[in-house]
Amino acid sequence: MMLYNSTRNKNTTLSPSQAILKGLSDDGGLFVPEKIPVMDRKIDELKELTYRELAYEVMKLWFDDFTEEELKKCIDSAYDDKFDTPEIAPLAYSGGAYYLELYHGKTIAFKDMALSILPYLMTTSARKNNVEDEIVILTATSGDTGKAALAGFADVKGTRIIVFYPKDGVSPIQKLQMVTQEGDNTLVVGVDGNFDDCQTGVKRIFNDEDFKAEILKKGYRLSSANSINIGRLVPQIVYYFYAYLKLLKNEKLVTGDKINVCVPTGNFGNILAAYYAKNMGLPIDKLICASNDNKVLFDFFNSGVYDRNREFILTASPSMDILISSNLERLLYHIAGNDPEKTAKLMKDLSEGGKYEITDDMKKNLESFMAGYASQEETFKEIKRVFTDTGYVLDTHTAVASSVVCALKGKHQELFNKPVVIASTASPFKFAKSVMYAINGREDEKDDFYYVDELASKGNLVIPEAVNGIRNAAVRHRMTIAADEMKKAVTDFLK
């Protein structure tokens, strides 16, 4: 059976279902596989599979304590008509790049790809481990995870979900999506701070052993829907295989040809999934990490120093406004030779001084990665360029990645004689005001739904139900708190 260890303690070992249930290790570490599994079927054998069928072939290797029936039931329940296309993740070609559209789910962001299945994985894991406690999901969000998690867990029996978001750090559409969420088991809380404050607060609650013991006595067990949960991360591996197989099936590749993958990155989960896909045997050459003005990851990949001691910048790509990239800890563990002591030391340095530096040997293990960043001005220019040249509309996060690819092509042409797949992480309708500002070159004093309608008209696009449905929806969640009041908010909700 596949076993999972903590990135910070070699003596913490769990089964896949136990790791999904727990979310975060008691020592503060993240769960990683003892060994990254290798795909057990040849690529050519997979190219005719549906998304659901491919999801099973990938996930069965990571979650091997699930029976075939259990895992397939989770997959079939997740990837159904809540997605607006049977392809689940279409691959669109525009202007020399392939955009992997990951926003066709219920909340029009890539988080749906994993958060549609996580509730089923979690409730199945609870049954497998004879857990009868109510599972309380604590999640920090920079904009998209929150709504996708809420939509996944709303009214799921045996669960409650609490989402913390930076009250001034998400787009108006993102905020409306969350605060109008229905479901008696849901709570949405605005925090006076940024995403890192929300994420640090959630981790602090998870690491409070006395608090966890206290609520466990009352029948509540904490878990997470962030990509710190391995059950959130593994489903994201699937769509990179799917993109490659679509290129293969459409004869844009010959079996074995490599692709480059570019991911707009904040918390590092989505690009880590691509790293795992590569290590499973998917022919990926370079993993391109694209940052916005909060370029802590760009600086890390170019210097080996991770330093969060810098100005936090609010941008038009808020899901990337992050200075503590939680999933990078998993990568550090792997490039340190699966050494939990080294990883724990780096995380301690980050916690105490806000920075750390990796060794030269670790740097050598980052050769698969390239990094770039796009300023806000460059991001807006890229939205306009792509729309003017091709009519294709990018959201503000995908445009960061697209801009980075264009810049790197100019400097490293020899690396780009192969297809580039860009992870398109959100519908442009989630950020309609910013997108239309980029296209029009001006900002009118109108509400966000004015820009939604303008985008639909100008881009010849259909407005998603996820946006139309919140135009007149009642606001159900109005709580805002200071960052140091998060534990109290949890306690009050569980009363």
Protein backbone atom coordinates (compact mmCIF):
# COMPACT_ATOMS: atom_id res chain seq x y z
CA MET A 1 0.00 0.00 0.00
CA MET A 2 1.11 3.55 -0.73
CA LEU A 3 2.12 5.28 2.50
CA TYR A 4 2.34 8.99 3.23
CA ASN A 5 4.93 10.67 5.42
CA SER A 6 5.07 14.13 6.94
CA THR A 7 7.53 16.52 5.31
CA ARG A 8 8.84 17.28 8.82
CA ASN A 9 8.89 13.93 10.63
CA LYS A 10 9.87 10.53 9.24
CA ASN A 11 7.96 8.76 12.03
CA THR A 12 4.58 10.10 10.88
CA THR A 13 3.20 7.58 8.39
CA LEU A 14 -0.41 7.24 7.25
CA SER A 15 -2.46 5.40 4.63
CA PRO A 16 -3.92 7.46 1.76
CA SER A 17 -7.37 7.67 3.33
CA GLN A 18 -5.91 8.63 6.71
CA ALA A 19 -3.80 11.37 5.10
CA ILE A 20 -6.89 12.75 3.29
CA LEU A 21 -8.84 12.83 6.54
CA LYS A 22 -6.10 14.48 8.55
CA GLY A 23 -5.14 17.11 5.96
CA LEU A 24 -2.18 18.54 7.87
CA SER A 25 0.26 16.58 10.02
CA ASP A 26 0.34 17.27 13.76
CA ASP A 27 3.94 18.50 13.40
CA GLY A 28 2.83 21.15 10.90
CA GLY A 29 4.17 19.24 7.91
CA LEU A 30 2.38 18.21 4.72
CA PHE A 31 1.79 14.63 3.64
CA VAL A 32 3.91 13.33 0.78
CA PRO A 33 4.14 9.85 -0.77
CA GLU A 34 6.99 7.60 0.33
CA LYS A 35 7.67 7.24 -3.38
CA ILE A 36 6.05 9.03 -6.32
CA PRO A 37 4.20 6.32 -8.27
CA VAL A 38 4.96 5.71 -11.94
CA MET A 39 2.12 5.38 -14.44
CA ASP A 40 1.57 1.65 -14.96
CA ARG A 41 0.15 1.92 -18.49
CA LYS A 42 1.78 3.18 -21.69
CA ILE A 43 0.79 6.65 -22.84
CA ASP A 44 -0.59 5.29 -26.13
CA GLU A 45 -3.01 3.09 -24.19
CA LEU A 46 -4.55 6.11 -22.48
CA LYS A 47 -5.32 8.49 -25.34
CA GLU A 48 -8.86 7.23 -26.00
CA LEU A 49 -9.93 7.41 -22.35
CA THR A 50 -12.54 9.84 -21.10
CA TYR A 51 -11.60 12.28 -18.35
CA ARG A 52 -13.28 10.05 -15.76
CA GLU A 53 -11.48 6.94 -16.99
CA LEU A 54 -8.13 8.73 -16.99
CA ALA A 55 -8.79 10.08 -13.50
CA TYR A 56 -9.15 6.53 -12.23
CA GLU A 57 -5.90 5.40 -13.87
CA VAL A 58 -3.98 8.23 -12.21
CA MET A 59 -5.65 8.33 -8.80
CA LYS A 60 -5.68 4.58 -8.19
CA LEU A 61 -1.86 4.74 -7.93
CA TRP A 62 -2.01 7.39 -5.18
CA PHE A 63 -5.10 6.23 -3.29
CA ASP A 64 -4.59 2.49 -3.36
CA ASP A 65 -6.46 1.74 -0.15
CA PHE A 66 -9.67 2.71 -1.96
CA THR A 67 -11.39 -0.15 -3.74
CA GLU A 68 -12.03 0.23 -7.46
CA GLU A 69 -15.73 0.64 -6.72
CA GLU A 70 -15.12 3.32 -4.07
CA LEU A 71 -12.74 5.38 -6.18
CA LYS A 72 -14.84 5.19 -9.33
CA LYS A 73 -17.91 6.24 -7.38
CA CYS A 74 -16.03 9.32 -6.11
CA ILE A 75 -14.86 10.16 -9.65
CA ASP A 76 -18.27 9.65 -11.26
CA SER A 77 -19.94 11.78 -8.58
CA ALA A 78 -17.47 14.61 -9.11
CA TYR A 79 -17.05 14.86 -12.88
CA ASP A 80 -20.68 14.93 -13.95
CA ASP A 81 -23.00 17.54 -15.44
CA LYS A 82 -21.86 20.18 -12.94
CA PHE A 83 -19.19 20.80 -15.59
CA ASP A 84 -20.52 22.62 -18.65
CA THR A 85 -18.61 20.45 -21.13
CA PRO A 86 -18.22 16.66 -21.31
CA GLU A 87 -14.50 17.21 -21.93
CA ILE A 88 -14.23 18.58 -18.36
CA ALA A 89 -10.94 20.35 -19.25
CA PRO A 90 -10.91 21.52 -22.91
CA LEU A 91 -7.65 22.45 -24.59
CA ALA A 92 -7.90 25.64 -26.66
CA TYR A 93 -5.25 26.79 -29.14
CA SER A 94 -4.68 30.51 -29.53
CA GLY A 95 -1.75 32.55 -30.74
CA GLY A 96 0.90 29.84 -30.53
CA ALA A 97 -0.01 28.35 -27.14
CA TYR A 98 -2.43 25.78 -25.83
CA TYR A 99 -4.68 26.97 -23.00
CA LEU A 100 -5.87 24.19 -20.73
CA GLU A 101 -9.27 25.54 -19.67
CA LEU A 102 -9.73 24.47 -16.07
CA TYR A 103 -12.72 26.69 -15.34
CA HIS A 104 -15.72 24.78 -16.67
CA GLY A 105 -16.93 23.62 -13.27
CA LYS A 106 -19.55 24.96 -10.91
CA THR A 107 -17.56 27.97 -9.66
CA ILE A 108 -15.63 28.70 -12.90
CA ALA A 109 -12.14 28.28 -11.48
CA PHE A 110 -9.56 25.49 -11.56
CA LYS A 111 -10.21 24.66 -7.92
CA ASP A 112 -13.40 22.89 -9.07
CA MET A 113 -11.25 20.23 -10.70
CA ALA A 114 -10.20 18.93 -7.29
CA LEU A 115 -12.81 20.31 -4.90
CA SER A 116 -15.60 18.57 -6.80
CA ILE A 117 -14.14 15.24 -5.73
CA LEU A 118 -12.63 16.03 -2.32
CA PRO A 119 -15.91 15.77 -0.35
CA TYR A 120 -16.46 12.27 -1.76
CA LEU A 121 -12.86 11.24 -1.05
CA MET A 122 -13.19 12.59 2.48
CA THR A 123 -16.51 11.00 3.40
CA THR A 124 -15.36 7.68 1.90
CA SER A 125 -12.13 7.97 3.92
CA ALA A 126 -14.17 8.55 7.08
CA ARG A 127 -16.19 5.38 6.50
CA LYS A 128 -13.05 3.38 5.72
CA ASN A 129 -11.49 4.44 9.02
CA ASN A 130 -14.66 4.12 11.12
CA VAL A 131 -14.69 7.83 11.88
CA GLU A 132 -18.05 8.98 13.18
CA ASP A 133 -17.03 12.50 14.22
CA GLU A 134 -18.33 15.43 12.23
CA ILE A 135 -15.57 16.63 9.87
CA VAL A 136 -14.94 20.37 10.11
CA ILE A 137 -13.21 21.79 7.04
CA LEU A 138 -11.09 24.87 7.73
CA THR A 139 -9.94 26.70 4.63
CA ALA A 140 -8.08 29.91 3.87
CA THR A 141 -8.70 31.32 0.42
CA SER A 142 -7.14 33.91 -1.83
CA GLY A 143 -10.36 33.94 -3.84
CA ASP A 144 -11.15 30.73 -5.70
CA THR A 145 -10.60 27.85 -3.26
CA GLY A 146 -13.21 29.26 -0.89
CA LYS A 147 -16.18 29.17 -3.25
CA ALA A 148 -15.17 25.86 -4.80
CA ALA A 149 -14.82 24.28 -1.35
CA LEU A 150 -18.13 25.76 -0.20
CA ALA A 151 -19.89 24.45 -3.30
CA GLY A 152 -18.37 21.01 -2.79
CA PHE A 153 -19.17 20.62 0.91
CA ALA A 154 -22.46 22.54 1.22
CA ASP A 155 -25.05 20.31 2.89
CA VAL A 156 -22.78 17.24 2.70
CA LYS A 157 -23.89 15.10 5.63
CA GLY A 158 -21.33 14.75 8.43
CA THR A 159 -19.34 17.86 7.45
CA ARG A 160 -19.13 21.56 8.24
CA ILE A 161 -17.02 24.08 6.38
CA ILE A 162 -15.54 27.42 7.47
CA VAL A 163 -13.84 29.63 4.88
CA PHE A 164 -11.62 32.59 5.82
CA TYR A 165 -10.85 35.17 3.11
CA PRO A 166 -9.01 38.54 3.12
CA LYS A 167 -11.95 40.93 3.17
CA ASP A 168 -10.27 43.47 0.89
CA GLY A 169 -8.16 41.03 -1.11
CA VAL A 170 -10.57 39.25 -3.48
CA SER A 171 -12.49 40.45 -6.52
CA PRO A 172 -16.10 41.63 -6.04
CA ILE A 173 -17.38 38.61 -8.00
CA GLN A 174 -15.27 36.23 -5.90
CA LYS A 175 -16.60 37.80 -2.72
CA LEU A 176 -20.21 37.65 -3.87
CA GLN A 177 -19.81 34.01 -4.80
CA MET A 178 -18.76 33.22 -1.24
CA VAL A 179 -21.00 35.45 0.87
CA THR A 180 -24.14 34.29 -0.94
CA GLN A 181 -23.34 30.61 -0.36
CA GLU A 182 -26.25 28.55 0.88
CA GLY A 183 -26.02 25.53 3.18
CA ASP A 184 -26.65 25.26 6.92
CA ASN A 185 -23.19 23.73 7.40
CA THR A 186 -21.30 26.68 5.86
CA LEU A 187 -19.64 29.76 7.36
CA VAL A 188 -17.76 32.46 5.43
CA VAL A 189 -15.62 34.94 7.37
CA GLY A 190 -13.85 38.04 6.10
CA VAL A 191 -10.49 38.65 7.79
CA ASP A 192 -8.92 42.05 8.30
CA GLY A 193 -5.61 41.13 6.66
CA ASN A 194 -4.20 39.44 3.58
CA PHE A 195 -4.25 35.81 2.43
CA ASP A 196 -1.07 34.96 4.31
CA ASP A 197 -2.76 36.11 7.52
CA CYS A 198 -5.71 33.81 6.79
CA GLN A 199 -3.46 30.87 5.91
CA THR A 200 -1.23 31.37 8.95
CA GLY A 201 -4.29 31.55 11.20
CA VAL A 202 -5.68 28.29 9.84
CA LYS A 203 -2.33 26.54 10.29
CA ARG A 204 -2.11 27.88 13.84
CA ILE A 205 -5.50 26.33 14.64
CA PHE A 206 -4.40 23.01 13.13
CA ASN A 207 -1.26 23.07 15.25
CA ASP A 208 -3.15 23.82 18.49
CA GLU A 209 -3.26 20.34 20.02
CA ASP A 210 -5.27 21.44 23.07
CA PHE A 211 -7.94 23.01 20.89
CA LYS A 212 -8.18 19.97 18.62
CA ALA A 213 -8.48 17.67 21.64
CA GLU A 214 -11.18 19.91 23.13
CA ILE A 215 -13.40 19.88 20.04
CA LEU A 216 -12.73 16.19 19.38
CA LYS A 217 -14.38 15.45 22.74
CA LYS A 218 -17.43 17.22 21.35
CA GLY A 219 -17.42 15.10 18.19
CA TYR A 220 -15.62 17.42 15.75
CA ARG A 221 -12.51 16.54 13.72
CA LEU A 222 -10.58 19.20 11.79
CA SER A 223 -9.47 18.78 8.19
CA SER A 224 -8.60 21.05 5.28
CA ALA A 225 -9.75 21.66 1.71
CA ASN A 226 -6.67 23.69 0.75
CA SER A 227 -4.08 22.06 -1.46
CA ILE A 228 -2.15 21.27 1.70
CA ASN A 229 -4.54 18.27 1.71
CA ILE A 230 -3.17 15.49 -0.49
CA GLY A 231 -6.77 14.69 -1.49
CA ARG A 232 -6.95 18.15 -3.07
CA LEU A 233 -3.61 17.90 -4.80
CA VAL A 234 -3.69 14.48 -6.49
CA PRO A 235 -6.80 15.11 -8.63
CA GLN A 236 -4.96 18.06 -10.16
CA ILE A 237 -2.36 15.71 -11.64
CA VAL A 238 -5.01 14.24 -13.94
CA TYR A 239 -5.54 17.23 -16.18
CA TYR A 240 -1.89 17.48 -17.19
CA PHE A 241 -2.07 13.90 -18.47
CA TYR A 242 -5.36 14.79 -20.18
CA ALA A 243 -3.81 17.78 -21.97
CA TYR A 244 -0.91 15.69 -23.26
CA LEU A 245 -3.24 12.95 -24.45
CA LYS A 246 -5.44 15.48 -26.27
CA LEU A 247 -2.37 16.72 -28.16
CA LEU A 248 -1.42 13.14 -28.93
CA LYS A 249 -4.90 12.23 -30.13
CA ASN A 250 -5.07 15.35 -32.31
CA GLU A 251 -1.68 14.47 -33.84
CA LYS A 252 0.04 17.56 -32.49
CA LEU A 253 2.57 15.24 -30.84
CA VAL A 254 4.21 11.90 -31.44
CA THR A 255 4.38 9.59 -28.43
CA GLY A 256 7.38 10.58 -26.32
CA ASP A 257 7.54 14.18 -27.55
CA LYS A 258 7.88 16.59 -24.68
CA ILE A 259 5.77 19.61 -23.80
CA ASN A 260 6.39 22.64 -21.60
CA VAL A 261 3.83 23.57 -18.96
CA CYS A 262 3.33 27.09 -17.60
CA VAL A 263 1.25 27.68 -14.48
CA PRO A 264 0.24 31.00 -12.89
CA THR A 265 1.34 30.31 -9.35
CA GLY A 266 0.58 31.51 -5.84
CA ASN A 267 0.35 28.70 -3.30
CA PHE A 268 2.36 26.33 -5.58
CA GLY A 269 -0.18 23.48 -5.57
CA ASN A 270 -1.15 23.56 -9.25
CA ILE A 271 2.42 23.54 -10.54
CA LEU A 272 3.39 20.90 -7.97
CA ALA A 273 0.72 18.67 -9.52
CA ALA A 274 2.48 19.13 -12.87
CA TYR A 275 5.79 18.21 -11.19
CA TYR A 276 4.19 15.01 -9.90
CA ALA A 277 2.81 14.27 -13.38
CA LYS A 278 6.31 14.65 -14.83
CA ASN A 279 7.72 12.30 -12.19
CA MET A 280 4.98 9.78 -12.95
CA GLY A 281 6.35 9.59 -16.49
CA LEU A 282 4.46 12.31 -18.39
CA PRO A 283 6.85 13.78 -21.02
CA ILE A 284 7.20 17.32 -19.65
CA ASP A 285 10.38 19.28 -20.31
CA LYS A 286 10.14 22.55 -18.39
CA LEU A 287 7.77 23.51 -15.60
CA ILE A 288 7.39 27.29 -15.87
CA CYS A 289 6.41 29.03 -12.66
CA ALA A 290 4.68 32.34 -13.47
CA SER A 291 4.34 35.00 -10.76
CA ASN A 292 2.67 38.40 -10.60
CA ASP A 293 4.13 41.43 -8.78
CA ASN A 294 4.32 39.33 -5.61
CA LYS A 295 7.27 37.52 -7.15
CA VAL A 296 8.60 35.62 -4.13
CA LEU A 297 8.66 32.37 -6.15
CA PHE A 298 10.41 33.98 -9.13
CA ASP A 299 13.12 35.22 -6.81
CA PHE A 300 13.40 31.81 -5.14
CA PHE A 301 13.94 29.91 -8.38
CA ASN A 302 16.53 32.41 -9.53
CA SER A 303 18.48 32.74 -6.28
CA GLY A 304 17.70 29.75 -4.07
CA VAL A 305 16.56 32.19 -1.36
CA TYR A 306 12.92 32.31 -0.28
CA ASP A 307 12.25 35.66 1.41
CA ARG A 308 8.76 36.73 2.39
CA ASN A 309 10.06 39.93 4.01
CA ARG A 310 8.75 42.29 1.37
CA GLU A 311 5.80 44.49 0.53
CA PHE A 312 2.55 42.62 -0.06
CA ILE A 313 1.03 43.95 -3.29
CA LEU A 314 -2.68 43.80 -4.10
CA THR A 315 -3.06 43.07 -7.80
CA ALA A 316 -5.74 42.30 -10.39
CA SER A 317 -4.76 38.61 -10.08
CA PRO A 318 -5.67 38.21 -6.38
CA SER A 319 -5.44 34.42 -6.24
CA MET A 320 -1.70 34.86 -6.76
CA ASP A 321 -1.26 37.54 -4.10
CA ILE A 322 0.61 35.23 -1.76
CA LEU A 323 3.99 35.50 -0.03
CA ILE A 324 3.96 32.13 1.77
CA SER A 325 3.56 29.36 -0.81
CA SER A 326 2.55 26.40 1.32
CA ASN A 327 3.00 23.63 -1.25
CA LEU A 328 6.59 24.62 -1.92
CA GLU A 329 7.36 22.68 1.27
CA ARG A 330 6.56 19.45 -0.55
CA LEU A 331 8.99 20.32 -3.34
CA LEU A 332 11.69 21.22 -0.80
CA TYR A 333 11.25 17.80 0.79
CA HIS A 334 11.71 16.04 -2.54
CA ILE A 335 14.74 18.05 -3.71
CA ALA A 336 16.35 17.53 -0.29
CA GLY A 337 16.29 13.78 -0.94
CA ASN A 338 13.08 13.22 1.05
CA ASP A 339 14.79 14.53 4.17
CA PRO A 340 12.28 15.70 6.82
CA GLU A 341 14.96 17.17 9.09
CA LYS A 342 16.25 19.50 6.37
CA THR A 343 12.69 20.48 5.46
CA ALA A 344 11.73 21.16 9.07
CA LYS A 345 14.81 23.35 9.49
CA LEU A 346 13.91 25.43 6.41
CA MET A 347 10.33 25.82 7.61
CA LYS A 348 11.57 26.89 11.03
CA ASP A 349 13.80 29.51 9.40
CA LEU A 350 10.78 30.78 7.43
CA SER A 351 8.60 30.91 10.53
CA GLU A 352 11.16 32.66 12.70
CA GLY A 353 12.96 34.93 10.25
CA GLY A 354 10.72 35.01 7.20
CA LYS A 355 13.34 33.52 4.87
CA TYR A 356 15.52 30.50 4.10
CA GLU A 357 18.17 29.47 1.59
CA ILE A 358 18.49 26.04 -0.01
CA THR A 359 21.79 24.22 -0.61
CA ASP A 360 23.60 23.96 -3.95
CA ASP A 361 22.64 20.27 -4.16
CA MET A 362 18.99 21.19 -3.77
CA LYS A 363 19.32 23.86 -6.45
CA LYS A 364 20.58 21.23 -8.90
CA ASN A 365 17.34 19.32 -8.38
CA LEU A 366 15.35 22.32 -9.63
CA GLU A 367 16.61 22.01 -13.21
CA SER A 368 13.12 21.13 -14.46
CA PHE A 369 11.84 24.55 -13.40
CA MET A 370 11.96 27.94 -15.05
CA ALA A 371 10.44 31.08 -13.57
CA GLY A 372 9.17 34.39 -14.82
CA TYR A 373 6.90 37.16 -13.66
CA ALA A 374 4.61 39.73 -15.20
CA SER A 375 3.82 43.12 -13.74
CA GLN A 376 0.24 44.32 -13.63
CA GLU A 377 0.88 46.53 -16.65
CA GLU A 378 2.32 43.57 -18.59
CA THR A 379 -0.63 41.43 -17.57
CA PHE A 380 -3.13 43.95 -18.92
CA LYS A 381 -1.13 44.33 -22.13
CA GLU A 382 -1.21 40.55 -22.62
CA ILE A 383 -5.00 40.41 -22.22
CA LYS A 384 -5.37 43.10 -24.86
CA ARG A 385 -2.77 41.56 -27.20
CA VAL A 386 -4.34 38.11 -27.20
CA PHE A 387 -7.86 39.49 -27.58
CA THR A 388 -6.88 41.88 -30.38
CA ASP A 389 -4.88 39.24 -32.27
CA THR A 390 -7.15 36.22 -31.81
CA GLY A 391 -10.42 37.19 -30.10
CA TYR A 392 -9.59 34.83 -27.22
CA VAL A 393 -10.19 36.27 -23.74
CA LEU A 394 -7.80 35.58 -20.87
CA ASP A 395 -8.51 36.17 -17.21
CA THR A 396 -5.99 38.13 -15.17
CA HIS A 397 -4.20 35.03 -13.83
CA THR A 398 -3.90 33.15 -17.11
CA ALA A 399 -2.61 36.39 -18.67
CA VAL A 400 0.28 36.41 -16.19
CA ALA A 401 1.34 32.98 -17.43
CA SER A 402 0.79 33.89 -21.07
CA SER A 403 2.92 37.03 -20.67
CA VAL A 404 5.70 35.02 -19.02
CA VAL A 405 5.69 32.49 -21.88
CA CYS A 406 6.00 35.28 -24.45
CA ALA A 407 8.91 36.83 -22.56
CA LEU A 408 10.75 33.53 -22.15
CA LYS A 409 10.27 32.64 -25.81
CA GLY A 410 12.24 35.72 -26.73
CA LYS A 411 15.15 34.66 -24.53
CA HIS A 412 15.10 30.86 -24.87
CA GLN A 413 13.76 30.12 -28.34
CA GLU A 414 15.46 26.73 -28.38
CA LEU A 415 13.30 25.57 -25.47
CA PHE A 416 10.06 26.45 -27.21
CA ASN A 417 10.26 24.29 -30.29
CA LYS A 418 7.71 22.10 -28.53
CA PRO A 419 4.09 22.78 -27.52
CA VAL A 420 3.46 25.00 -24.51
CA VAL A 421 0.44 24.21 -22.36
CA ILE A 422 -0.70 27.13 -20.19
CA ALA A 423 -2.93 26.35 -17.24
CA SER A 424 -5.92 28.65 -17.70
CA THR A 425 -7.09 28.86 -14.13
CA ALA A 426 -10.25 30.98 -14.14
CA SER A 427 -13.01 32.28 -16.35
CA PRO A 428 -12.52 35.90 -17.41
CA PHE A 429 -16.00 36.57 -16.01
CA LYS A 430 -14.65 36.26 -12.46
CA PHE A 431 -12.51 39.33 -13.13
CA ALA A 432 -14.65 41.06 -15.75
CA LYS A 433 -13.89 44.61 -14.61
CA SER A 434 -10.13 44.13 -14.83
CA VAL A 435 -10.38 42.25 -18.13
CA MET A 436 -12.49 44.97 -19.74
CA TYR A 437 -10.16 47.65 -18.37
CA ALA A 438 -7.30 45.85 -20.14
CA ILE A 439 -9.23 45.55 -23.40
CA ASN A 440 -10.77 49.05 -23.40
CA GLY A 441 -7.86 50.90 -21.86
CA ARG A 442 -10.17 52.79 -19.51
CA GLU A 443 -12.25 52.25 -16.40
CA ASP A 444 -15.81 53.57 -16.18
CA GLU A 445 -17.60 54.00 -12.86
CA LYS A 446 -19.90 51.02 -13.30
CA ASP A 447 -20.71 48.01 -11.16
CA ASP A 448 -19.12 44.64 -11.88
CA PHE A 449 -22.15 43.21 -13.64
CA TYR A 450 -21.98 46.01 -16.19
CA TYR A 451 -18.55 44.68 -17.15
CA VAL A 452 -19.85 41.11 -17.12
CA ASP A 453 -22.43 42.07 -19.74
CA GLU A 454 -19.89 44.08 -21.74
CA LEU A 455 -17.46 41.14 -21.74
CA ALA A 456 -20.15 38.77 -22.95
CA SER A 457 -21.07 41.16 -25.78
CA LYS A 458 -17.57 42.12 -26.85
CA GLY A 459 -16.08 38.64 -26.48
CA ASN A 460 -19.12 36.87 -27.95
CA LEU A 461 -19.27 34.72 -24.82
CA VAL A 462 -22.08 33.15 -22.80
CA ILE A 463 -22.27 34.37 -19.20
CA PRO A 464 -21.78 31.39 -16.88
CA GLU A 465 -24.56 30.49 -14.45
CA ALA A 466 -22.02 30.86 -11.64
CA VAL A 467 -22.06 34.61 -12.35
CA ASN A 468 -25.69 35.08 -13.39
CA GLY A 469 -26.82 33.21 -10.29
CA ILE A 470 -25.34 35.75 -7.89
CA ARG A 471 -26.67 38.93 -9.52
CA ASN A 472 -29.59 39.11 -7.11
CA ALA A 473 -28.66 36.45 -4.56
CA ALA A 474 -29.11 37.29 -0.89
CA VAL A 475 -25.98 37.88 1.18
CA ARG A 476 -25.94 35.23 3.90
CA HIS A 477 -22.48 35.70 5.43
CA ARG A 478 -21.55 39.12 6.80
CA MET A 479 -19.01 38.30 9.53
CA THR A 480 -15.68 40.12 9.49
CA ILE A 481 -13.01 39.67 12.18
CA ALA A 482 -9.43 40.49 13.08
CA ALA A 483 -6.85 37.85 12.21
CA ASP A 484 -6.39 36.91 15.87
CA GLU A 485 -10.10 36.10 16.24
CA MET A 486 -10.16 33.12 13.86
CA LYS A 487 -10.13 30.43 16.53
CA LYS A 488 -13.01 32.13 18.34
CA ALA A 489 -15.00 32.17 15.08
CA VAL A 490 -14.51 28.41 14.79
CA THR A 491 -15.53 27.84 18.40
CA ASP A 492 -18.66 29.97 18.05
CA PHE A 493 -19.73 28.20 14.86
CA LEU A 494 -19.35 24.76 16.45
CA LYS A 495 -21.58 25.82 19.34
